[in-house]
Structures are given as C-alpha cells and as structure tokens.
Protein backbone atom coordinates (compact mmCIF):
# COMPACT_ATOMS: atom_id res chain seq x y z
CA UNK A 1 -8.06 -28.00 23.90
CA UNK A 2 -4.93 -27.60 21.79
CA UNK A 3 -4.75 -26.14 18.31
CA UNK A 4 -5.87 -28.52 15.59
CA UNK A 5 -3.46 -29.72 12.91
CA UNK A 6 -4.29 -29.22 9.27
CA UNK A 7 -3.57 -31.72 6.50
CA UNK A 8 -1.07 -29.22 5.09
CA UNK A 9 0.87 -29.22 8.37
CA UNK A 10 1.11 -33.00 8.35
CA UNK A 11 2.38 -32.94 4.79
CA UNK A 12 4.93 -30.26 5.69
CA UNK A 13 6.82 -32.32 8.17
CA UNK A 14 4.80 -34.79 10.18
CA UNK A 15 2.74 -34.59 13.34
CA UNK A 16 5.64 -34.51 15.77
CA UNK A 17 7.35 -31.59 14.07
CA UNK A 18 4.08 -29.69 13.78
CA UNK A 19 3.22 -30.29 17.41
CA UNK A 20 6.58 -28.80 18.41
CA UNK A 21 6.07 -25.67 16.32
CA UNK A 22 2.38 -24.89 16.63
CA UNK A 23 1.14 -22.70 19.46
CA UNK A 24 -0.55 -24.56 22.28
CA UNK A 25 -1.55 -21.51 24.31
CA UNK A 26 -0.70 -18.14 25.80
CA UNK A 27 1.10 -17.74 29.11
CA UNK A 28 -0.49 -14.68 30.77
CA UNK A 29 2.33 -14.31 33.30
CA UNK A 30 5.16 -14.23 30.79
CA UNK A 31 2.98 -12.52 28.16
CA UNK A 32 4.22 -14.97 25.56
CA UNK A 33 3.04 -17.79 23.36
CA UNK A 34 3.96 -21.36 24.26
CA UNK A 35 4.31 -24.23 21.82
CA UNK A 36 3.34 -27.79 22.60
CA UNK A 37 7.02 -28.66 23.06
CA UNK A 38 7.54 -25.79 25.56
CA UNK A 39 4.36 -26.25 27.58
CA UNK A 40 4.88 -26.77 31.33
CA UNK A 41 2.10 -28.90 32.80
CA UNK A 42 2.18 -26.89 36.04
CA UNK A 43 1.95 -23.41 34.45
CA UNK A 44 -1.34 -21.66 33.72
CA UNK A 45 -1.94 -21.67 29.98
CA UNK A 46 -4.71 -19.96 28.04
CA UNK A 47 -5.66 -22.38 25.32
CA UNK A 48 -5.68 -21.30 21.69
CA UNK A 49 -9.25 -21.29 20.41
CA UNK A 50 -10.14 -23.93 17.81
CA UNK A 51 -9.03 -22.78 14.36
CA UNK A 52 -9.57 -23.90 10.79
CA UNK A 53 -6.00 -22.75 10.09
CA UNK A 54 -2.96 -22.64 12.33
CA UNK A 55 -1.06 -20.33 14.69
CA UNK A 56 2.71 -20.77 14.54
CA UNK A 57 5.71 -19.47 16.50
CA UNK A 58 8.63 -21.26 14.83
CA UNK A 59 11.56 -19.14 13.73
CA UNK A 60 10.92 -19.57 10.01
CA UNK A 61 7.35 -18.31 10.33
CA UNK A 62 8.11 -15.35 12.56
CA UNK A 63 11.23 -14.38 10.59
CA UNK A 64 9.14 -14.07 7.44
CA UNK A 65 6.86 -11.56 9.17
CA UNK A 66 9.44 -9.52 11.10
CA UNK A 67 10.39 -7.06 8.39
CA UNK A 68 8.95 -5.24 5.42
CA UNK A 69 9.74 -3.86 1.98
CA UNK A 70 11.43 -0.78 3.41
CA UNK A 71 14.00 -2.90 5.28
CA UNK A 72 14.35 -0.09 7.81
CA UNK A 73 12.39 -1.46 10.77
CA UNK A 74 12.27 -4.97 12.21
CA UNK A 75 9.81 -6.26 14.81
CA UNK A 76 9.42 -9.98 15.29
CA UNK A 77 5.90 -11.19 16.02
CA UNK A 78 5.46 -13.85 18.67
CA UNK A 79 2.99 -15.75 16.47
CA UNK A 80 1.77 -15.90 12.89
CA UNK A 81 -1.82 -16.77 12.04
CA UNK A 82 -2.32 -18.64 8.80
CA UNK A 83 -6.10 -18.42 8.70
CA UNK A 84 -8.19 -21.23 7.34
CA UNK A 85 -11.24 -18.98 7.24
CA UNK A 86 -12.45 -15.47 7.93
CA UNK A 87 -13.80 -16.80 11.22
CA UNK A 88 -10.22 -17.60 12.27
CA UNK A 89 -9.32 -13.93 12.02
CA UNK A 90 -12.36 -12.90 14.04
CA UNK A 91 -11.56 -15.56 16.66
CA UNK A 92 -7.96 -14.43 17.10
CA UNK A 93 -8.89 -10.73 17.18
CA UNK A 94 -11.34 -11.46 20.03
CA UNK A 95 -8.64 -13.49 21.79
CA UNK A 96 -6.14 -10.67 21.31
CA UNK A 97 -8.58 -8.07 22.57
CA UNK A 98 -9.34 -10.06 25.72
CA UNK A 99 -5.64 -10.60 26.52
CA UNK A 100 -4.27 -7.16 25.50
CA UNK A 101 -2.39 -8.39 22.43
CA UNK A 102 -1.98 -6.67 19.08
CA UNK A 103 -2.81 -7.87 15.57
CA UNK A 104 -1.79 -6.69 12.10
CA UNK A 105 -2.08 -8.07 8.60
CA UNK A 106 1.33 -8.34 6.98
CA UNK A 107 0.72 -8.33 3.23
CA UNK A 108 3.34 -10.75 1.93
CA UNK A 109 2.61 -9.87 -1.69
CA UNK A 110 5.14 -9.87 -4.50
CA UNK A 111 6.42 -12.09 -7.28
CA UNK A 112 6.84 -15.85 -7.39
CA UNK A 113 10.48 -15.61 -6.31
CA UNK A 114 9.98 -13.02 -3.56
CA UNK A 115 7.04 -12.52 -1.22
CA UNK A 116 7.24 -9.68 1.28
CA UNK A 117 5.19 -7.04 3.03
CA UNK A 118 5.12 -3.93 0.87
CA UNK A 119 4.70 -1.47 3.70
CA UNK A 120 7.94 0.41 4.17
CA UNK A 121 8.46 1.69 7.72
CA UNK A 122 7.18 -0.98 10.08
CA UNK A 123 3.57 -0.01 9.41
CA UNK A 124 2.29 -3.59 9.20
CA UNK A 125 4.53 -5.02 11.93
CA UNK A 126 3.72 -6.10 15.46
CA UNK A 127 6.09 -7.13 18.22
CA UNK A 128 6.34 -8.70 21.64
CA UNK A 129 3.11 -10.64 22.07
CA UNK A 130 1.66 -9.49 18.76
CA UNK A 131 0.03 -11.69 16.13
CA UNK A 132 0.87 -11.23 12.44
CA UNK A 133 -1.82 -12.39 10.03
CA UNK A 134 -0.76 -13.95 6.75
CA UNK A 135 -3.38 -12.88 4.19
CA UNK A 136 -2.32 -15.29 1.44
CA UNK A 137 -5.10 -17.77 2.32
CA UNK A 138 -7.55 -14.92 1.59
CA UNK A 139 -6.48 -14.67 -2.06
CA UNK A 140 -9.65 -16.03 -3.64
CA UNK A 141 -11.16 -14.58 -6.79
CA UNK A 142 -14.77 -15.32 -5.92
CA UNK A 143 -16.34 -14.01 -9.11
CA UNK A 144 -15.89 -11.64 -12.04
CA UNK A 145 -19.19 -10.32 -13.34
CA UNK A 146 -20.12 -7.31 -15.43
CA UNK A 147 -18.67 -4.29 -13.66
CA UNK A 148 -17.74 -6.12 -10.45
CA UNK A 149 -14.81 -8.19 -9.13
CA UNK A 150 -15.53 -10.01 -5.86
CA UNK A 151 -12.15 -10.94 -4.36
CA UNK A 152 -10.40 -11.83 -1.13
CA UNK A 153 -8.35 -9.02 0.39
CA UNK A 154 -5.26 -11.24 0.18
CA UNK A 155 -5.52 -11.42 -3.61
CA UNK A 156 -2.93 -9.47 -5.56
CA UNK A 157 -3.83 -6.84 -8.12
CA UNK A 158 -2.06 -8.80 -10.85
CA UNK A 159 -4.34 -11.77 -10.16
CA UNK A 160 -7.41 -9.50 -10.20
CA UNK A 161 -6.17 -7.92 -13.43
CA UNK A 162 -5.67 -11.29 -15.11
CA UNK A 163 -9.09 -12.55 -14.06
CA UNK A 164 -10.80 -9.34 -15.18
CA UNK A 165 -8.96 -8.96 -18.49
CA UNK A 166 -10.08 -12.45 -19.48
CA UNK A 167 -13.62 -11.02 -19.54
CA UNK A 168 -12.65 -7.84 -21.39
CA UNK A 169 -12.64 -5.75 -18.22
CA UNK A 170 -10.08 -4.10 -15.94
CA UNK A 171 -10.01 -2.53 -12.49
CA UNK A 172 -10.79 1.15 -13.00
CA UNK A 173 -7.67 2.26 -11.09
CA UNK A 174 -4.42 0.32 -11.00
CA UNK A 175 -1.27 1.05 -9.05
CA UNK A 176 1.95 1.27 -11.08
CA UNK A 177 3.20 -1.97 -9.51
CA UNK A 178 0.61 -4.75 -9.60
CA UNK A 179 2.24 -7.32 -7.32
CA UNK A 180 0.55 -5.85 -4.25
CA UNK A 181 -2.31 -7.14 -2.15
CA UNK A 182 -5.78 -5.68 -2.60
CA UNK A 183 -6.21 -5.18 1.13
CA UNK A 184 -2.82 -3.52 1.45
CA UNK A 185 -3.36 -0.76 -1.10
CA UNK A 186 -6.97 -0.16 -0.06
CA UNK A 187 -5.86 0.35 3.53
CA UNK A 188 -3.88 3.44 2.48
CA UNK A 189 -5.70 4.59 -0.66
CA UNK A 190 -4.13 3.24 -3.85
CA UNK A 191 -2.79 5.83 -6.33
CA UNK A 192 -1.80 5.67 -9.99
CA UNK A 193 -2.07 7.15 -13.44
CA UNK A 194 -5.82 6.82 -13.92
CA UNK A 195 -6.62 8.55 -10.63
CA UNK A 196 -7.40 11.72 -12.59
CA UNK A 197 -10.27 9.82 -14.25
CA UNK A 198 -11.51 7.41 -11.60
CA UNK A 199 -10.25 8.60 -8.23
CA UNK A 200 -8.03 6.45 -6.02
CA UNK A 201 -8.51 2.70 -5.68
CA UNK A 202 -10.60 3.24 -2.55
CA UNK A 203 -13.05 5.30 -4.62
CA UNK A 204 -13.71 2.23 -6.76
CA UNK A 205 -14.78 -0.10 -3.95
CA UNK A 206 -18.43 -1.13 -3.89
CA UNK A 207 -18.49 -3.23 -0.72
CA UNK A 208 -16.15 -4.59 1.94
CA UNK A 209 -16.28 -7.42 4.42
CA UNK A 210 -14.14 -6.76 7.48
CA UNK A 211 -13.23 -8.04 10.91
CA UNK A 212 -13.42 -5.14 13.36
CA UNK A 213 -11.18 -4.65 16.37
CA UNK A 214 -14.03 -6.07 18.45
CA UNK A 215 -13.81 -9.31 16.47
CA UNK A 216 -17.09 -8.83 14.59
CA UNK A 217 -17.46 -9.77 10.93
CA UNK A 218 -19.33 -6.97 9.16
CA UNK A 219 -20.19 -6.25 5.52
CA UNK A 220 -20.21 -2.53 4.78
CA UNK A 221 -20.92 -0.31 1.77
CA UNK A 222 -21.89 3.30 1.06
CA UNK A 223 -25.44 2.41 2.09
CA UNK A 224 -24.83 -0.06 4.92
CA UNK A 225 -22.52 0.70 7.88
CA UNK A 226 -21.26 3.72 5.97
CA UNK A 227 -19.13 4.96 8.88
CA UNK A 228 -17.21 1.70 9.01
CA UNK A 229 -16.92 1.61 5.20
CA UNK A 230 -15.41 5.11 5.24
CA UNK A 231 -13.08 4.31 8.15
CA UNK A 232 -11.63 1.16 6.58
CA UNK A 233 -10.80 2.48 3.10
CA UNK A 234 -7.68 4.60 3.50
CA UNK A 235 -7.88 4.13 7.27
CA UNK A 236 -4.42 2.55 7.75
CA UNK A 237 -5.87 -0.60 9.32
CA UNK A 238 -6.94 1.21 12.48
CA UNK A 239 -10.58 0.12 12.75
CA UNK A 240 -10.92 -3.21 10.95
CA UNK A 241 -9.16 -5.85 8.86
CA UNK A 242 -10.23 -6.11 5.24
CA UNK A 243 -11.03 -9.71 4.30
CA UNK A 244 -13.22 -9.47 1.18
CA UNK A 245 -13.86 -6.70 -1.34
CA UNK A 246 -16.11 -5.93 -4.28
CA UNK A 247 -14.28 -3.73 -6.81
CA UNK A 248 -15.59 -1.71 -9.73
CA UNK A 249 -14.51 -2.90 -13.18
CA UNK A 250 -14.65 -0.98 -16.45
CA UNK A 251 -14.36 -2.15 -20.08
CA UNK A 252 -10.73 -2.63 -21.08
CA UNK A 253 -9.08 -1.36 -24.22
CA UNK A 254 -6.50 -3.58 -25.88
CA UNK A 255 -3.73 -1.10 -26.70
CA UNK A 256 -1.97 1.97 -25.35
CA UNK A 257 -0.36 4.92 -27.13
CA UNK A 258 2.31 6.10 -24.71
CA UNK A 259 3.87 9.58 -24.79
CA UNK A 260 7.02 10.64 -22.92
CA UNK A 261 7.34 14.44 -23.13
CA UNK A 262 10.36 16.30 -21.74
CA UNK A 263 10.70 19.78 -20.19
CA UNK A 264 13.67 21.75 -18.91
CA UNK A 265 11.49 24.42 -17.29
CA UNK A 266 9.49 23.46 -14.19
CA UNK A 267 6.81 26.14 -14.60
CA UNK A 268 6.08 25.05 -18.17
CA UNK A 269 5.94 21.43 -17.11
CA UNK A 270 3.46 22.14 -14.32
CA UNK A 271 1.29 24.30 -16.56
CA UNK A 272 1.12 21.60 -19.27
CA UNK A 273 0.39 18.92 -16.67
CA UNK A 274 -2.57 20.95 -15.41
CA UNK A 275 -3.78 21.65 -18.94
CA UNK A 276 -3.83 17.94 -19.67
CA UNK A 277 -5.51 17.23 -16.35
CA UNK A 278 -8.23 19.81 -16.97
CA UNK A 279 -9.18 18.75 -20.49
CA UNK A 280 -8.87 15.00 -19.84
CA UNK A 281 -7.37 14.25 -23.24
CA UNK A 282 -5.36 11.25 -21.98
CA UNK A 283 -6.56 8.01 -20.37
CA UNK A 284 -3.50 7.89 -18.11
CA UNK A 285 -1.36 10.71 -16.75
CA UNK A 286 1.77 10.62 -14.61
CA UNK A 287 5.14 12.35 -14.64
CA UNK A 288 8.70 12.22 -13.35
CA UNK A 289 11.70 14.25 -12.31
CA UNK A 290 14.59 12.78 -14.35
CA UNK A 291 18.25 13.50 -15.02
CA UNK A 292 19.08 15.38 -18.20
CA UNK A 293 20.71 13.20 -20.89
CA UNK A 294 24.08 14.89 -20.29
CA UNK A 295 23.71 14.37 -16.50
CA UNK A 296 24.08 18.10 -15.81
CA UNK A 297 20.92 18.49 -13.81
CA UNK A 298 17.22 17.67 -13.63
CA UNK A 299 14.39 17.89 -16.11
CA UNK A 300 10.75 16.86 -16.09
CA UNK A 301 8.80 14.29 -18.06
CA UNK A 302 5.08 13.98 -18.66
CA UNK A 303 4.19 10.33 -19.11
CA UNK A 304 0.72 10.09 -20.61
CA UNK A 305 -1.22 7.48 -22.52
CA UNK A 306 -4.31 7.08 -24.65
CA UNK A 307 -6.05 3.71 -24.41
CA UNK A 308 -7.63 2.34 -27.58
CA UNK A 309 -8.81 -0.77 -29.40
CA UNK A 310 -8.00 -1.12 -33.13
CA UNK A 311 -9.18 -0.32 -35.73
CA UNK A 312 -9.65 2.92 -33.78
CA UNK A 313 -6.36 4.77 -33.33
CA UNK A 314 -5.41 7.85 -31.29
CA UNK A 315 -4.87 11.20 -33.02
CA UNK A 316 -1.32 12.06 -31.96
CA UNK A 317 -1.55 15.66 -33.21
CA UNK A 318 -4.72 16.33 -31.23
CA UNK A 319 -3.30 14.74 -28.09
CA UNK A 320 -0.15 16.88 -28.28
CA UNK A 321 -1.81 20.11 -29.39
CA UNK A 322 -0.79 23.16 -27.38
CA UNK A 323 1.83 21.38 -25.26
CA UNK A 324 5.21 23.08 -24.98
CA UNK A 325 7.56 20.16 -24.44
CA UNK A 326 10.85 19.63 -26.25
CA UNK A 327 9.13 17.88 -29.15
CA UNK A 328 12.40 16.68 -30.69
CA UNK A 329 13.10 14.68 -27.54
CA UNK A 330 9.59 13.19 -27.28
CA UNK A 331 9.17 9.43 -27.33
CA UNK A 332 5.95 7.91 -28.68
CA UNK A 333 5.27 4.19 -28.72
CA UNK A 334 2.43 1.69 -28.87
CA UNK A 335 2.03 -1.12 -26.35
CA UNK A 336 -0.58 -3.67 -25.51
CA UNK A 337 -2.68 -2.80 -22.48
CA UNK A 338 -1.13 -5.76 -20.64
CA UNK A 339 2.40 -4.53 -21.37
CA UNK A 340 1.46 -1.13 -20.02
CA UNK A 341 -0.14 -2.57 -16.88
CA UNK A 342 3.03 -4.58 -16.09
CA UNK A 343 5.45 -1.85 -17.21
CA UNK A 344 7.33 -1.82 -13.88
CA UNK A 345 8.26 -5.51 -14.01
CA UNK A 346 11.37 -5.07 -16.22
CA UNK A 347 12.72 -2.48 -13.74
CA UNK A 348 11.97 -4.88 -10.90
CA UNK A 349 14.04 -7.59 -12.61
CA UNK A 350 16.98 -5.20 -13.01
CA UNK A 351 16.83 -4.04 -9.38
CA UNK A 352 16.85 -7.63 -8.18
CA UNK A 353 19.75 -8.47 -10.50
CA UNK A 354 21.96 -5.63 -9.23
CA UNK A 355 21.06 -6.18 -5.58
CA UNK A 356 19.11 -2.95 -5.05
CA UNK A 357 15.72 -4.58 -4.39
CA UNK A 358 17.06 -6.16 -1.23
CA UNK A 359 18.57 -2.92 0.09
CA UNK A 360 16.75 -0.46 2.40
CA UNK A 361 14.10 1.68 0.72
CA UNK A 362 13.75 5.08 2.40
CA UNK A 363 10.82 6.13 0.23
CA UNK A 364 8.68 9.21 0.63
CA UNK A 365 5.17 9.78 -0.79
CA UNK A 366 3.46 13.13 -0.26
CA UNK A 367 0.66 15.19 -1.75
CA UNK A 368 1.39 18.89 -2.39
CA UNK A 369 -1.19 21.65 -3.01
CA UNK A 370 -0.86 22.74 -6.63
CA UNK A 371 -0.45 26.35 -5.54
CA UNK A 372 2.76 25.47 -3.64
CA UNK A 373 4.16 22.72 -5.88
CA UNK A 374 6.57 24.93 -7.86
CA UNK A 375 8.36 26.26 -4.78
CA UNK A 376 8.52 22.87 -3.05
CA UNK A 377 9.83 21.02 -6.11
CA UNK A 378 12.30 23.76 -7.03
CA UNK A 379 13.66 23.67 -3.49
CA UNK A 380 13.98 19.90 -3.75
CA UNK A 381 15.84 19.78 -7.07
CA UNK A 382 18.16 22.60 -5.99
CA UNK A 383 19.52 20.37 -3.22
CA UNK A 384 18.97 16.94 -4.76
CA UNK A 385 22.06 15.11 -5.93
CA UNK A 386 22.14 11.80 -7.83
CA UNK A 387 23.79 10.14 -4.82
CA UNK A 388 20.70 11.04 -2.76
CA UNK A 389 18.48 9.23 -5.25
CA UNK A 390 20.40 6.05 -5.98
CA UNK A 391 18.67 3.79 -8.46
CA UNK A 392 15.07 4.85 -8.36
CA UNK A 393 12.20 6.92 -9.69
CA UNK A 394 11.01 10.40 -8.70
CA UNK A 395 7.32 10.74 -9.55
CA UNK A 396 5.56 14.10 -9.87
CA UNK A 397 2.06 14.38 -11.34
CA UNK A 398 -1.24 16.13 -10.66
CA UNK A 399 -4.67 14.77 -9.82
CA UNK A 400 -8.15 16.18 -9.30
CA UNK A 401 -8.93 16.01 -5.59
CA UNK A 402 -12.66 16.32 -6.39
CA UNK A 403 -12.53 12.74 -7.72
CA UNK A 404 -11.78 11.51 -4.19
CA UNK A 405 -14.59 10.59 -1.82
CA UNK A 406 -13.18 8.77 1.23
CA UNK A 407 -12.55 10.97 4.30
CA UNK A 408 -9.42 9.27 5.65
CA UNK A 409 -7.53 9.33 2.35
CA UNK A 410 -6.13 12.76 3.14
CA UNK A 411 -5.11 15.17 0.37
CA UNK A 412 -4.62 18.95 0.24
CA UNK A 413 -7.66 21.18 0.34
CA UNK A 414 -7.34 22.46 -3.23
CA UNK A 415 -9.00 21.27 -6.46
CA UNK A 416 -5.62 20.07 -7.80
CA UNK A 417 -2.78 18.45 -5.90
CA UNK A 418 0.45 16.78 -6.95
CA UNK A 419 1.79 13.43 -5.86
CA UNK A 420 5.52 13.57 -5.20
CA UNK A 421 7.11 10.16 -4.70
CA UNK A 422 10.80 9.69 -3.99
CA UNK A 423 11.13 5.96 -4.74
CA UNK A 424 14.80 5.56 -4.03
CA UNK A 425 16.99 2.44 -3.98
CA UNK A 426 20.31 3.45 -2.39
CA UNK A 427 23.45 1.36 -2.81
CA UNK A 428 23.44 -1.60 -0.41
CA UNK A 429 25.67 -1.52 2.63
CA UNK A 430 25.86 2.25 3.12
CA UNK A 431 23.87 3.25 6.23
CA UNK A 432 25.04 6.87 5.97
CA UNK A 433 23.20 7.36 2.66
CA UNK A 434 20.07 5.80 4.14
CA UNK A 435 20.27 8.12 7.16
CA UNK A 436 20.71 11.13 4.87
CA UNK A 437 17.65 10.10 2.83
CA UNK A 438 15.55 9.64 5.94
CA UNK A 439 16.58 13.06 7.20
CA UNK A 440 15.59 14.58 3.86
CA UNK A 441 12.23 12.79 4.11
CA UNK A 442 11.58 14.40 7.47
CA UNK A 443 12.55 17.89 6.24
CA UNK A 444 10.34 17.57 3.16
CA UNK A 445 7.48 16.24 5.26
CA UNK A 446 7.71 19.27 7.58
CA UNK A 447 7.95 21.72 4.67
CA UNK A 448 5.04 20.18 2.79
CA UNK A 449 2.67 19.81 5.73
CA UNK A 450 3.42 23.40 6.75
CA UNK A 451 1.85 24.58 3.46
CA UNK A 452 -1.18 22.27 3.58
CA UNK A 453 0.34 19.14 2.09
CA UNK A 454 -0.43 15.62 3.26
CA UNK A 455 1.49 12.38 3.54
CA UNK A 456 0.61 9.25 1.59
CA UNK A 457 0.96 6.51 4.18
CA UNK A 458 3.41 4.40 2.19
CA UNK A 459 6.68 6.09 3.00
CA UNK A 460 9.33 6.44 5.66
CA UNK A 461 9.02 9.55 7.82
CA UNK A 462 10.98 9.33 11.10
CA UNK A 463 9.75 10.45 14.51
CA UNK A 464 6.08 11.09 13.78
CA UNK A 465 4.33 12.63 16.76
CA UNK A 466 0.73 12.78 17.92
CA UNK A 467 0.66 16.36 16.63
CA UNK A 468 1.82 15.17 13.20
CA UNK A 469 -1.00 12.63 13.03
CA UNK A 470 -3.55 15.13 14.28
CA UNK A 471 -2.53 17.60 11.59
CA UNK A 472 -2.48 14.90 8.92
CA UNK A 473 -6.06 13.80 9.55
CA UNK A 474 -7.56 17.25 10.07
CA UNK A 475 -10.41 18.03 9.63
CA UNK A 476 -11.29 14.30 9.93
CA UNK A 477 -9.32 13.55 13.11
CA UNK A 478 -12.51 13.52 15.17
CA UNK A 479 -14.13 11.07 12.75
CA UNK A 480 -11.16 8.70 12.98
CA UNK A 481 -11.10 8.88 16.78
CA UNK A 482 -14.82 8.13 17.00
CA UNK A 483 -14.57 5.17 14.63
CA UNK A 484 -11.49 3.85 16.42
CA UNK A 485 -13.21 4.03 19.81
CA UNK A 486 -16.27 2.26 18.47
CA UNK A 487 -14.71 -0.47 16.31
CA UNK A 488 -11.33 -0.99 18.03
CA UNK A 489 -11.75 0.35 21.58
CA UNK A 490 -8.77 -1.58 22.97
CA UNK A 491 -6.26 -0.62 20.25
CA UNK A 492 -5.80 -4.16 19.04
CA UNK A 493 -5.23 -3.41 15.36
CA UNK A 494 -2.18 -2.31 13.38
CA UNK A 495 0.04 -0.71 16.04
CA UNK A 496 2.95 -0.20 13.64
CA UNK A 497 1.47 2.97 12.18
CA UNK A 498 1.87 4.61 15.59
CA UNK A 499 -1.30 6.68 15.27
CA UNK A 500 -2.78 5.64 18.63
CA UNK A 501 -0.93 4.58 21.76
CA UNK A 502 -2.20 1.52 23.57
CA UNK A 503 -3.94 2.03 26.85
CA UNK A 504 -2.62 -0.22 29.59
CA UNK A 505 -5.08 -1.92 31.93
C-alpha cells in the first residue's frame, strides 16, 4: 500500500507531481527512502504505513529541515513527516525503530517571513536515513481555561500568549523571544526574566502527551507516569516527543515599569542582583554585560521590571531603595505588558535588515554557581573584545535554583546561580571570527563545568564527549540512562544532541 495523498497535496501541485515527490517506501538494502517515481518494481520495498499526513523526500522539503538557527551544522534528512495526527508520529517512530532509523522534531518556529529550527548546533537534525518531523501541524490551541492552557507542542509561545492574554492571563514564565515552539523550549528547560518567581518553563507544565521512542502515546503528569514526565521536560528529546502540553497560566497585569540600572563595578552589580533576587521586589529580573557609552570597556546593567495594572502604580523609590547603581545613568520607562513581552522583536527586525540574522550564531548559554560567578565573568570581560561579540547581547542574571523541580534541567548545586548567555551575531562571511567564537565557547564551557557550572542545551559547544555529558547530568545521569533504556531502547530519538551513540544490530 502506498502513502495516501492529502487534499492539500493535490492543491499544491496535482496528483502526478505529488506522486513523484511523496515517499512510496524504504529500501532496506540501500538504507534509503524511495519515491513513487524512483520505485523499481523488482526491488524489495518496505511500504510506508498508512498516514493521515504525508512523508516527503523532495529537495524543497528536505532542504528546509537540513539546517538550524545556528547555521553551523547541516545534516539533510532523507524524509520529512508532515503529520496529520499524533498517531502519524507514533506510526513513524515504530517504523523507524523497527528499521533502525532516527527521528527528531525540527521546530520550524519563527516569524511570518522566516520559519526555522531554533536549535543552534545541529541538536534537532537527523541525517542519512533519518526522519525530520515538522511540528507545525501540531500548533493547535485546544483551550484556555482558568489557570490552564491546553496546546499542541508545535504551537508558538506568541500564539499561546495571545490566546491567554485575551482572557486576562499569561504563561507564568516566558522566554525573552516568543517566536519559539512550546515543545522546543520545554525540551531544554525554558529560561527568562520571571524564572526567579516561577521557575523555568518546565516547572510550569501540568501535563504532557508524548510519543515515546517505542512508539507509544502516553499522557504523563507529576502523578501519572512521573518518571516519563520528568524525563521529557528538559530531557533534550531523548526519551519521547512532546505532542501536547497543559501549561500553567497566571493573571496578567496590563503594564510594566522597566528599570535599566548601570554599574561599572562587577562586585557591586552582583551584590545588588542578589539583593533584588532575595527580596523579590521586582516581577522580572535580568541583566546584561554592555559596552560603556564611551566604548572604553564593559559595564553591567540590571534590567528589572514591576508589573502593574492602573490605577495602581509602582513605587519607584521603594523599588530602587538600597541599590548602588549609577543613578544618573538609570533609565526608567513604562510599557504595556504586551510591549514588554515582545521587546526583542525590534532587535530582530534590525538584525534581519543588516543581514546578521542569516549569519552563523555561535551562541553559548551556561549556568554558573554564584560563588564562582565573579571570577568567571571577570576573566571573560578581561579577554572579550567587541569583535568577538559582533552584534549581539551578553546576558548575565541570577536565579533561585530552589524554584526548579525537574531533574534533567541541570543547574549548579547552589541556592543561587547565574545564567550567562553570549548571544552573538558575527559579521557574515568571516569564518575566522566564527571559529574564534566557537573556541572561546569551548574554553568557557571547560572553565565553568570545572567549578560546578552547567550548560544550557541551547548553545554551540564543539567536541562534546561522553565524559562531558556524564558530568553535565550528574547526579542524574543514572536516571536519564534508565529512562532512555526504557522509553527509547533503540536510540531512535533526537540523535543530534550526541548524548547517546546508536547501537548497531
């Protein structure tokens, strides 16, 4: 039985064109997919199971899923699944498991003019006989009720935000950039400026529906299939594919009082950041390493906000009391909550306009123990030149690790840790700068992990070894291995992370 054609396929270009492009089966001898046009009547062909959607191998489809946001790694899949249902994903995972293929969801989130995977170092890519899954058909907003958003994992956070805000609610924790898929950020954790209040995005998940590496559809929560629930959220796609999620919502304020506070001294900056974290005076708390106005070096900025709904207004004096910033340089402004949520979009437009968005992105995201942050950051700024940053943002802000509850979202073993994010957009067309940035990423990774730091799985760190992964997941490495063996025993899922090597039969 050959793959069925959907009405959308027929509208795209007619039956003949679709028949030429759509996969007819898998050739076990060549370990490759075969389209209807390529099929040899005399060759053995494993038929594609019946699908509600479609499996495609044409160049346009596979090209779109061969790279990612980082633009550093390219691996072309042999086929792309556009699922018509959750059952399609389960069907193809079972097929892949039986025939020693690999499968990964490739997010394809973004804005209307640019959809792309927002992983950055080949993490969501497959290759050879791998199957990329397009999650866009899983973008449903099933319901928004009091305190709960029930959404498809292919939905973007901006869509969830818009649906929730219409009811006076908001996701408790939002990433800085909202044009990302729900499943994508939950697979690695999901960080942002309200993490000090609500934990990471994974800590605000009430229930998940997943397809395991065995091809089973399972609904899990803290009280049902807890091991699977804990392995999926922050688990880098190693045990199951997220397909549907129930998220916690909180009442939304309408306005934001935003404070940008500047420091020349690192120790003072860190002390004030931890004061603000401890007393919880702000609704939102982040921070950056920025160039001084005269471009003579680096300084530090606390970016903090108080959320409110008029006629109530924040007390600026109380919010700033005891802080030792350069008050003459402080910037204070009022925004709507929506403007604050989409605050990165103007920068995105500029980066696209000047050609930096399409350049390689050798980003690094790490978590540093608070006790070692001063020495690590001072060592970084002492050797950091503007040319090694390009157009980008250097984030540095603390969070309370006790707000985090999922075992595979790894952070330092201290009550307070800092997120350091080198979100760099180098000039296009200069591979030497990219290589220099990647080398710096590796050195910083080694320095930070040596003092108990952890990596946030959204960056580019070259040459990760089994020892690196073992150290990253400690003391939960055994938990991950047990869950992997149980739910994905044949290493079908998400090979691009490189955590587990495939066993050959």
